[in-house]
Structures are given as C-alpha cells and as structure tokens.
C-alpha atoms as a PDB file:
ATOM      1  CA  MET A   1      18.074   3.027  49.591  1.00  0.00           C
ATOM      2  CA  MET A   2      15.743   0.126  49.105  1.00  0.00           C
ATOM      3  CA  GLY A   3      12.556   2.076  49.845  1.00  0.00           C
ATOM      4  CA  SER A   4      13.294   4.705  47.207  1.00  0.00           C
ATOM      5  CA  SER A   5      14.035   2.076  44.548  1.00  0.00           C
ATOM      6  CA  ALA A   6      10.849   0.171  45.370  1.00  0.00           C
ATOM      7  CA  THR A   7       8.829   3.388  45.211  1.00  0.00           C
ATOM      8  CA  GLN A   8      10.406   4.304  41.880  1.00  0.00           C
ATOM      9  CA  SER A   9       9.638   0.827  40.522  1.00  0.00           C
ATOM     10  CA  ALA A  10       6.027   1.043  41.697  1.00  0.00           C
ATOM     11  CA  THR A  11       5.706   4.483  40.080  1.00  0.00           C
ATOM     12  CA  SER A  12       7.193   3.144  36.834  1.00  0.00           C
ATOM     13  CA  ASP A  13       4.805   0.187  36.907  1.00  0.00           C
ATOM     14  CA  LEU A  14       1.870   2.536  37.479  1.00  0.00           C
ATOM     15  CA  ALA A  15       3.025   4.811  34.655  1.00  0.00           C
ATOM     16  CA  ALA A  16       3.340   1.863  32.280  1.00  0.00           C
ATOM     17  CA  ARG A  17      -0.083   0.512  33.257  1.00  0.00           C
ATOM     18  CA  LEU A  18      -1.708   3.941  32.910  1.00  0.00           C
ATOM     19  CA  GLU A  19      -0.071   4.454  29.530  1.00  0.00           C
ATOM     20  CA  LEU A  20      -1.509   1.152  28.310  1.00  0.00           C
ATOM     21  CA  THR A  21      -4.917   1.887  29.845  1.00  0.00           C
ATOM     22  CA  PHE A  22      -5.129   5.361  28.279  1.00  0.00           C
ATOM     23  CA  ARG A  23      -3.982   4.091  24.899  1.00  0.00           C
ATOM     24  CA  LEU A  24      -6.666   1.399  24.959  1.00  0.00           C
ATOM     25  CA  LEU A  25      -9.287   3.846  26.224  1.00  0.00           C
ATOM     26  CA  GLY A  26      -8.325   6.285  23.483  1.00  0.00           C
ATOM     27  CA  LYS A  27      -8.824   3.604  20.868  1.00  0.00           C
ATOM     28  CA  ARG A  28     -12.006   2.126  22.316  1.00  0.00           C
ATOM     29  CA  ILE A  29     -13.869   5.210  23.520  1.00  0.00           C
ATOM     30  CA  TYR A  30     -14.128   6.393  19.938  1.00  0.00           C
ATOM     31  CA  LEU A  31     -14.576   2.861  18.678  1.00  0.00           C
ATOM     32  CA  THR A  32     -17.153   3.152  16.046  1.00  0.00           C
ATOM     33  CA  SER A  33     -17.043   0.344  13.580  1.00  0.00           C
ATOM     34  CA  PRO A  34     -16.030   1.286  10.041  1.00  0.00           C
ATOM     35  CA  GLY A  35     -19.526   0.177   9.050  1.00  0.00           C
ATOM     36  CA  GLN A  36     -21.093   2.669  11.465  1.00  0.00           C
ATOM     37  CA  LEU A  37     -18.875   5.469  10.160  1.00  0.00           C
ATOM     38  CA  ARG A  38     -19.734   4.560   6.547  1.00  0.00           C
ATOM     39  CA  THR A  39     -23.400   4.773   7.512  1.00  0.00           C
ATOM     40  CA  ILE A  40     -22.883   8.169   9.136  1.00  0.00           C
ATOM     41  CA  CYS A  41     -20.796   9.526   6.273  1.00  0.00           C
ATOM     42  CA  PRO A  42     -19.023   7.357   3.695  1.00  0.00           C
ATOM     43  CA  GLY A  43     -15.297   8.148   3.864  1.00  0.00           C
ATOM     44  CA  LEU A  44     -15.305   9.479   7.434  1.00  0.00           C
ATOM     45  CA  ASP A  45     -12.583   7.963   9.610  1.00  0.00           C
ATOM     46  CA  LYS A  46     -12.318   7.957  13.391  1.00  0.00           C
ATOM     47  CA  ALA A  47      -9.048   9.906  13.318  1.00  0.00           C
ATOM     48  CA  SER A  48     -10.949  12.939  11.991  1.00  0.00           C
ATOM     49  CA  ILE A  49     -13.567  12.999  14.750  1.00  0.00           C
ATOM     50  CA  PRO A  50     -11.434  15.103  17.154  1.00  0.00           C
ATOM     51  CA  LEU A  51     -11.113  17.770  14.443  1.00  0.00           C
ATOM     52  CA  LEU A  52     -14.889  17.920  14.078  1.00  0.00           C
ATOM     53  CA  VAL A  53     -15.195  18.304  17.857  1.00  0.00           C
ATOM     54  CA  VAL A  54     -12.714  21.195  17.951  1.00  0.00           C
ATOM     55  CA  LEU A  55     -14.401  22.873  14.983  1.00  0.00           C
ATOM     56  CA  GLU A  56     -17.715  22.670  16.790  1.00  0.00           C
ATOM     57  CA  GLU A  57     -16.137  24.391  19.803  1.00  0.00           C
ATOM     58  CA  ARG A  58     -14.049  26.906  17.829  1.00  0.00           C
ATOM     59  CA  ALA A  59     -15.895  27.795  14.667  1.00  0.00           C
ATOM     60  CA  ASP A  60     -13.982  29.495  11.910  1.00  0.00           C
ATOM     61  CA  ALA A  61     -10.549  28.261  13.006  1.00  0.00           C
ATOM     62  CA  ARG A  62      -7.229  28.286  11.207  1.00  0.00           C
ATOM     63  CA  PRO A  63      -5.691  24.899  10.445  1.00  0.00           C
ATOM     64  CA  SER A  64      -2.714  25.791  12.676  1.00  0.00           C
ATOM     65  CA  ASP A  65      -5.099  26.450  15.587  1.00  0.00           C
ATOM     66  CA  LEU A  66      -6.754  23.084  14.993  1.00  0.00           C
ATOM     67  CA  ALA A  67      -3.367  21.338  14.879  1.00  0.00           C
ATOM     68  CA  PHE A  68      -2.452  22.906  18.212  1.00  0.00           C
ATOM     69  CA  ALA A  69      -5.816  21.967  19.742  1.00  0.00           C
ATOM     70  CA  VAL A  70      -5.615  18.285  18.747  1.00  0.00           C
ATOM     71  CA  GLU A  71      -1.843  18.143  19.321  1.00  0.00           C
ATOM     72  CA  LEU A  72      -0.975  16.920  15.827  1.00  0.00           C
ATOM     73  CA  ASP A  73       1.381  18.388  13.266  1.00  0.00           C
ATOM     74  CA  LEU A  74      -0.070  20.757  10.697  1.00  0.00           C
ATOM     75  CA  SER A  75       0.571  18.430   7.737  1.00  0.00           C
ATOM     76  CA  THR A  76      -1.480  15.653   9.352  1.00  0.00           C
ATOM     77  CA  VAL A  77      -4.323  18.039  10.184  1.00  0.00           C
ATOM     78  CA  SER A  78      -4.244  19.516   6.670  1.00  0.00           C
ATOM     79  CA  ARG A  79      -4.579  16.045   5.171  1.00  0.00           C
ATOM     80  CA  HIS A  80      -7.596  15.290   7.392  1.00  0.00           C
ATOM     81  CA  LEU A  81      -9.160  18.665   6.612  1.00  0.00           C
ATOM     82  CA  ARG A  82      -8.875  18.080   2.853  1.00  0.00           C
ATOM     83  CA  GLN A  83     -10.713  14.762   3.273  1.00  0.00           C
ATOM     84  CA  LEU A  84     -13.384  16.350   5.512  1.00  0.00           C
ATOM     85  CA  GLU A  85     -13.867  19.096   2.924  1.00  0.00           C
ATOM     86  CA  VAL A  86     -14.286  16.530   0.116  1.00  0.00           C
ATOM     87  CA  LEU A  87     -16.884  14.765   2.283  1.00  0.00           C
ATOM     88  CA  GLY A  88     -18.785  18.029   2.752  1.00  0.00           C
ATOM     89  CA  LEU A  89     -18.274  18.084   6.525  1.00  0.00           C
ATOM     90  CA  VAL A  90     -16.211  21.290   6.617  1.00  0.00           C
ATOM     91  CA  THR A  91     -15.841  24.403   4.505  1.00  0.00           C
ATOM     92  CA  ARG A  92     -12.727  26.438   3.856  1.00  0.00           C
ATOM     93  CA  ARG A  93     -12.669  30.168   3.202  1.00  0.00           C
ATOM     94  CA  PRO A  94      -9.878  32.716   2.916  1.00  0.00           C
ATOM     95  CA  ASP A  95      -8.852  34.472   6.116  1.00  0.00           C
ATOM     96  CA  GLY A  96      -9.774  38.128   5.680  1.00  0.00           C
ATOM     97  CA  ALA A  97      -6.963  39.257   7.994  1.00  0.00           C
ATOM     98  CA  ASP A  98      -4.252  37.168   6.279  1.00  0.00           C
ATOM     99  CA  GLY A  99      -4.619  36.333   2.594  1.00  0.00           C
ATOM    100  CA  ARG A 100      -2.151  33.441   2.929  1.00  0.00           C
ATOM    101  CA  ALA A 101      -4.281  31.654   5.538  1.00  0.00           C
ATOM    102  CA  CYS A 102      -7.726  30.101   5.528  1.00  0.00           C
ATOM    103  CA  ARG A 103     -10.501  29.496   8.018  1.00  0.00           C
ATOM    104  CA  ILE A 104     -12.301  26.195   8.492  1.00  0.00           C
ATOM    105  CA  SER A 105     -15.889  25.732   9.694  1.00  0.00           C
ATOM    106  CA  LEU A 106     -18.254  22.820  10.168  1.00  0.00           C
ATOM    107  CA  THR A 107     -21.085  22.432   7.699  1.00  0.00           C
ATOM    108  CA  ALA A 108     -24.572  21.371   8.738  1.00  0.00           C
ATOM    109  CA  GLN A 109     -23.673  17.878   7.512  1.00  0.00           C
ATOM    110  CA  GLY A 110     -20.528  17.979   9.669  1.00  0.00           C
ATOM    111  CA  ARG A 111     -22.575  18.920  12.753  1.00  0.00           C
ATOM    112  CA  ASP A 112     -25.100  16.175  12.007  1.00  0.00           C
ATOM    113  CA  SER A 113     -22.350  13.584  11.521  1.00  0.00           C
ATOM    114  CA  LEU A 114     -20.671  14.575  14.782  1.00  0.00           C
ATOM    115  CA  SER A 115     -24.011  14.415  16.570  1.00  0.00           C
ATOM    116  CA  THR A 116     -24.578  10.880  15.279  1.00  0.00           C
ATOM    117  CA  VAL A 117     -21.080   9.774  16.331  1.00  0.00           C
ATOM    118  CA  ARG A 118     -21.736  11.167  19.814  1.00  0.00           C
ATOM    119  CA  ALA A 119     -25.119   9.459  20.033  1.00  0.00           C
ATOM    120  CA  ASN A 120     -23.511   6.122  19.128  1.00  0.00           C
ATOM    121  CA  ARG A 121     -20.801   6.663  21.748  1.00  0.00           C
ATOM    122  CA  ALA A 122     -23.406   7.610  24.364  1.00  0.00           C
ATOM    123  CA  VAL A 123     -25.291   4.358  23.730  1.00  0.00           C
ATOM    124  CA  MET A 124     -22.044   2.403  24.139  1.00  0.00           C
ATOM    125  CA  LEU A 125     -21.097   4.203  27.374  1.00  0.00           C
ATOM    126  CA  ASP A 126     -24.623   3.934  28.773  1.00  0.00           C
ATOM    127  CA  GLU A 127     -24.392   0.179  28.280  1.00  0.00           C
ATOM    128  CA  ILE A 128     -20.994   0.024  30.006  1.00  0.00           C
ATOM    129  CA  PHE A 129     -22.034   2.149  32.992  1.00  0.00           C
ATOM    130  CA  ARG A 130     -25.518   0.687  33.377  1.00  0.00           C
ATOM    131  CA  GLY A 131     -24.400  -1.633  36.179  1.00  0.00           C
ATOM    132  CA  TRP A 132     -22.173   0.881  37.937  1.00  0.00           C
ATOM    133  CA  PRO A 133     -23.500   2.417  41.153  1.00  0.00           C
ATOM    134  CA  ASP A 134     -23.828   6.211  41.105  1.00  0.00           C
ATOM    135  CA  ALA A 135     -21.078   6.558  43.708  1.00  0.00           C
ATOM    136  CA  GLU A 136     -18.578   4.702  41.504  1.00  0.00           C
ATOM    137  CA  ARG A 137     -19.460   6.774  38.426  1.00  0.00           C
ATOM    138  CA  HIS A 138     -18.991   9.958  40.447  1.00  0.00           C
ATOM    139  CA  GLU A 139     -15.704   8.690  41.891  1.00  0.00           C
ATOM    140  CA  LEU A 140     -14.394   7.855  38.418  1.00  0.00           C
ATOM    141  CA  ARG A 141     -15.361  11.314  37.205  1.00  0.00           C
ATOM    142  CA  ARG A 142     -13.734  12.959  40.240  1.00  0.00           C
ATOM    143  CA  LEU A 143     -10.486  11.031  39.808  1.00  0.00           C
ATOM    144  CA  LEU A 144     -10.324  11.713  36.065  1.00  0.00           C
ATOM    145  CA  ASP A 145     -10.950  15.423  36.683  1.00  0.00           C
ATOM    146  CA  ARG A 146      -8.128  15.402  39.238  1.00  0.00           C
ATOM    147  CA  LEU A 147      -5.800  13.651  36.801  1.00  0.00           C
ATOM    148  CA  LEU A 148      -6.657  16.107  34.020  1.00  0.00           C
ATOM    149  CA  ALA A 149      -6.033  19.058  36.336  1.00  0.00           C
ATOM    150  CA  GLY A 150      -2.636  17.619  37.255  1.00  0.00           C
ATOM    151  CA  LEU A 151      -1.727  17.051  33.610  1.00  0.00           C
ATOM    152  CA  ALA A 152      -2.872  20.546  32.653  1.00  0.00           C
ATOM    153  CA  ALA A 153      -0.627  22.011  35.368  1.00  0.00           C
ATOM    154  CA  LEU A 154       2.501  20.416  33.886  1.00  0.00           C
ATOM    155  CA  PRO A 155       4.863  22.823  32.134  1.00  0.00           C
ATOM    156  CA  VAL A 156       4.694  21.116  28.738  1.00  0.00           C
ATOM    157  CA  ALA A 157       4.946  23.220  25.591  1.00  0.00           C
ATOM    158  CA  THR A 158       2.029  21.481  23.864  1.00  0.00           C
ATOM    159  CA  SER A 159      -0.325  21.426  26.840  1.00  0.00           C
ATOM    160  CA  THR A 160      -3.104  23.946  27.087  1.00  0.00           C
ATOM    161  CA  PRO A 161      -5.163  24.758  30.148  1.00  0.00           C
ATOM    162  CA  ALA A 162      -7.758  22.049  30.526  1.00  0.00           C
ATOM    163  CA  ASP A 163     -11.127  23.100  29.288  1.00  0.00           C
ATOM    164  CA  PRO A 164     -13.797  22.485  31.878  1.00  0.00           C
ATOM    165  CA  LEU A 165     -15.535  19.211  31.219  1.00  0.00           C
ATOM    166  CA  PRO A 166     -19.155  19.408  30.199  1.00  0.00           C
ATOM    167  CA  ALA A 167     -21.688  18.676  32.891  1.00  0.00           C
ATOM    168  CA  ASP A 168     -22.357  15.010  33.439  1.00  0.00           C
ATOM    169  CA  PRO A 169     -25.900  14.388  32.167  1.00  0.00           C
ATOM    170  CA  LEU A 170     -26.231  11.550  34.661  1.00  0.00           C
ATOM    171  CA  GLU A 171     -25.262  13.815  37.520  1.00  0.00           C
ATOM    172  CA  ASP A 172     -27.754  15.825  39.482  1.00  0.00           C
ATOM    173  CA  SER A 173     -27.678  16.954  43.047  1.00  0.00           C
ATOM    174  CA  SER A 174     -30.184  14.329  44.150  1.00  0.00           C
ATOM    175  CA  SER A 175     -27.971  11.415  43.047  1.00  0.00           C
ATOM    176  CA  GLN A 176     -24.695  12.596  44.605  1.00  0.00           C
ATOM    177  CA  PRO A 177     -23.475  10.872  47.707  1.00  0.00           C
ATOM    178  CA  ASP A 178     -23.662  13.011  50.845  1.00  0.00           C
ATOM    179  CA  GLY A 179     -20.821  15.463  51.144  1.00  0.00           C
ATOM    180  CA  GLU A 180     -19.818  15.288  47.469  1.00  0.00           C
ATOM    181  CA  ASN A 181     -19.667  18.611  45.707  1.00  0.00           C
ATOM    182  CA  ALA A 182     -20.789  18.950  42.111  1.00  0.00           C
ATOM    183  CA  ALA A 183     -17.770  19.418  39.892  1.00  0.00           C
END
C-alpha cells in the first residue's frame, strides 16, 4: 500500500523534526549564559535549574521524588543536589519518618536565584514574542497544551499526569480571539 507507506514516512519525518525542535527548545529556553548564571550564583549550572523548580513546587522532597519529577536517575540528581547544597541554594535534613532518607528544601538564596533565572528567561521570551500577534501566541499555547495532554495520556512508566500549566500572564479575556476559551 503506497498511501500507508507515504503516511508512515510523513509521520516519521514529523517525529524527527519535532524531536530536533524540542531538543533545541529545551536547550535554548533555559539558555542563560554561563556569565549570567555566575552573576546569579557562582557555580550554578543550567542543568540544576529544573531541580530548583521542582523544589519550589514540592518543598521538603526526598531525592528519589525529585529524580522521578525531573526524570533523571537518582545518582545524577544526588550529584546536582550536593552541588546546590554547597552553593547554599538547598538544605538537607534527615527524614523523620525514615532515618535512612533525607529531605531537601530550597533556601531563601535558592528561591532568589530561581526568581532571577525566571526573570531573565521572561525578558528573553518577551523579546521573542513581542512581534507575535495575540492570536498566534494563543494558538501556540493551545497546541502545546494539546500536545502535553496527549503525551501525558501515554502509558509510559516514567510519565506523570501533566501538571496544569500556570496562567499565561499575557492572557486575559479581553485579548482572546472571539470564541476562544481560556485554558
């Protein structure tokens, strides 16, 4: 069947293009120059930022919970946590329920550093989206939400239900195109 083969090829091409696009987005969306990170906190690396984000959302977490949340192995997360602790961005305390385990929390310096990283990223994204019409920004958000929902529905052992995305600060009911529901 020629149609089936052509469809499969088109799907493979789309998958390959999306994989490349997401890999590049993943690298560039958190692109903060090493100089910017050194200014924020000397020794902080961009690979540790997702851990700070999860710790902000889930205070007092076990390293194994963090590893699951960022989908990395425990040894990698433990290495990052040791560095974040040395930098004063996180604290470690024994787990009262299990003496073998520990709990990790953000420090005030960790929250401040994460806030600065986010502010830098917001400036970058504001610059990128400045020329985009509202309708296109909303359409991008809608399509990404749909993609995330589809990915979250897959029966993959490491996937977790997608957390609802935070409200879009650019979005308000007065700027939505007619007929578009707030997501």
